[in-house]
Amino acid sequence: MYLPSRMTMRLIAAGAFVLIATAMHSPLGPKLAALHASMVGLV
């Protein structure tokens, strides 16, 4: 099984944070937040 390194996890977390921050200012915010939540659930 592939286990991502700490750096990879940091990049994923940073990307997720930017996505959430952008969604907060977007009219599609709730949909993006739900999509992101489902993506995190799969990880």
N, C-alpha and C. Protein backbone atom coordinates (compact mmCIF):
# COMPACT_ATOMS: atom_id res chain seq x y z
N MET A 1 0.84 -1.19 0.00
CA MET A 1 0.00 0.00 0.00
C MET A 1 0.88 1.24 0.00
N TYR A 2 0.44 2.24 -0.74
CA TYR A 2 1.21 3.48 -0.83
C TYR A 2 0.84 4.43 0.30
N LEU A 3 1.84 4.84 1.06
CA LEU A 3 1.61 5.81 2.13
C LEU A 3 2.30 7.11 1.77
N PRO A 4 1.53 8.17 1.55
CA PRO A 4 2.11 9.46 1.17
C PRO A 4 3.02 10.02 2.26
N SER A 5 4.04 10.73 1.83
CA SER A 5 4.99 11.31 2.78
C SER A 5 4.36 12.50 3.50
N ARG A 6 5.05 12.99 4.51
CA ARG A 6 4.53 14.15 5.25
C ARG A 6 4.41 15.36 4.33
N MET A 7 5.38 15.51 3.42
CA MET A 7 5.35 16.66 2.52
C MET A 7 4.11 16.59 1.63
N THR A 8 3.82 15.37 1.15
CA THR A 8 2.64 15.21 0.30
C THR A 8 1.38 15.55 1.08
N MET A 9 1.32 15.10 2.31
CA MET A 9 0.16 15.38 3.15
C MET A 9 0.01 16.87 3.39
N ARG A 10 1.14 17.55 3.56
CA ARG A 10 1.10 19.01 3.78
C ARG A 10 0.57 19.71 2.54
N LEU A 11 1.00 19.25 1.36
CA LEU A 11 0.54 19.86 0.11
C LEU A 11 -0.96 19.64 -0.06
N ILE A 12 -1.43 18.44 0.28
CA ILE A 12 -2.85 18.13 0.18
C ILE A 12 -3.64 19.02 1.15
N ALA A 13 -3.13 19.16 2.37
CA ALA A 13 -3.80 19.98 3.38
C ALA A 13 -3.84 21.44 2.94
N ALA A 14 -2.73 21.92 2.37
CA ALA A 14 -2.67 23.31 1.91
C ALA A 14 -3.66 23.52 0.77
N GLY A 15 -3.71 22.56 -0.15
CA GLY A 15 -4.65 22.67 -1.27
C GLY A 15 -6.08 22.67 -0.78
N ALA A 16 -6.36 21.83 0.21
CA ALA A 16 -7.71 21.76 0.77
C ALA A 16 -8.07 23.08 1.45
N PHE A 17 -7.12 23.67 2.16
CA PHE A 17 -7.36 24.93 2.85
C PHE A 17 -7.68 26.04 1.85
N VAL A 18 -6.90 26.10 0.76
CA VAL A 18 -7.14 27.12 -0.27
C VAL A 18 -8.50 26.90 -0.92
N LEU A 19 -8.84 25.63 -1.16
CA LEU A 19 -10.14 25.33 -1.78
C LEU A 19 -11.28 25.78 -0.89
N ILE A 20 -11.17 25.50 0.41
CA ILE A 20 -12.21 25.89 1.36
C ILE A 20 -12.29 27.42 1.46
N ALA A 21 -11.13 28.07 1.53
CA ALA A 21 -11.11 29.53 1.63
C ALA A 21 -11.76 30.16 0.41
N THR A 22 -11.49 29.60 -0.77
CA THR A 22 -12.09 30.11 -2.01
C THR A 22 -13.59 29.85 -2.00
N ALA A 23 -13.99 28.68 -1.54
CA ALA A 23 -15.41 28.32 -1.52
C ALA A 23 -16.20 29.26 -0.62
N MET A 24 -15.58 29.75 0.44
CA MET A 24 -16.27 30.63 1.38
C MET A 24 -16.73 31.91 0.68
N HIS A 25 -16.00 32.33 -0.37
CA HIS A 25 -16.32 33.57 -1.07
C HIS A 25 -17.03 33.29 -2.39
N SER A 26 -17.44 32.05 -2.58
CA SER A 26 -18.08 31.66 -3.84
C SER A 26 -19.54 31.32 -3.62
N PRO A 27 -20.40 31.67 -4.59
CA PRO A 27 -21.82 31.33 -4.48
C PRO A 27 -22.03 29.81 -4.48
N LEU A 28 -21.02 29.07 -4.95
CA LEU A 28 -21.10 27.61 -4.96
C LEU A 28 -20.46 27.03 -3.71
N GLY A 29 -20.17 27.87 -2.74
CA GLY A 29 -19.50 27.44 -1.52
C GLY A 29 -20.03 26.15 -0.92
N PRO A 30 -21.33 26.07 -0.62
CA PRO A 30 -21.88 24.85 0.00
C PRO A 30 -21.65 23.60 -0.84
N LYS A 31 -21.77 23.73 -2.16
CA LYS A 31 -21.57 22.56 -3.02
C LYS A 31 -20.11 22.13 -3.01
N LEU A 32 -19.20 23.12 -3.07
CA LEU A 32 -17.78 22.80 -3.07
C LEU A 32 -17.39 22.19 -1.73
N ALA A 33 -17.95 22.71 -0.65
CA ALA A 33 -17.62 22.19 0.67
C ALA A 33 -18.08 20.74 0.80
N ALA A 34 -19.27 20.44 0.26
CA ALA A 34 -19.79 19.08 0.31
C ALA A 34 -18.91 18.16 -0.53
N LEU A 35 -18.50 18.64 -1.70
CA LEU A 35 -17.64 17.85 -2.58
C LEU A 35 -16.31 17.56 -1.90
N HIS A 36 -15.75 18.59 -1.28
CA HIS A 36 -14.46 18.42 -0.59
C HIS A 36 -14.60 17.43 0.57
N ALA A 37 -15.68 17.54 1.29
CA ALA A 37 -15.91 16.63 2.42
C ALA A 37 -15.96 15.18 1.95
N SER A 38 -16.60 14.96 0.80
CA SER A 38 -16.69 13.60 0.27
C SER A 38 -15.32 13.12 -0.19
N MET A 39 -14.52 14.04 -0.75
CA MET A 39 -13.17 13.69 -1.20
C MET A 39 -12.30 13.30 -0.01
N VAL A 40 -12.38 14.08 1.06
CA VAL A 40 -11.59 13.79 2.26
C VAL A 40 -12.02 12.45 2.85
N GLY A 41 -13.30 12.18 2.77
CA GLY A 41 -13.81 10.92 3.30
C GLY A 41 -13.24 9.73 2.55
N LEU A 42 -12.95 9.92 1.26
CA LEU A 42 -12.40 8.83 0.46
C LEU A 42 -10.92 8.65 0.74
N VAL A 43 -10.26 9.69 1.20
CA VAL A 43 -8.82 9.61 1.49
C VAL A 43 -8.66 8.99 2.87
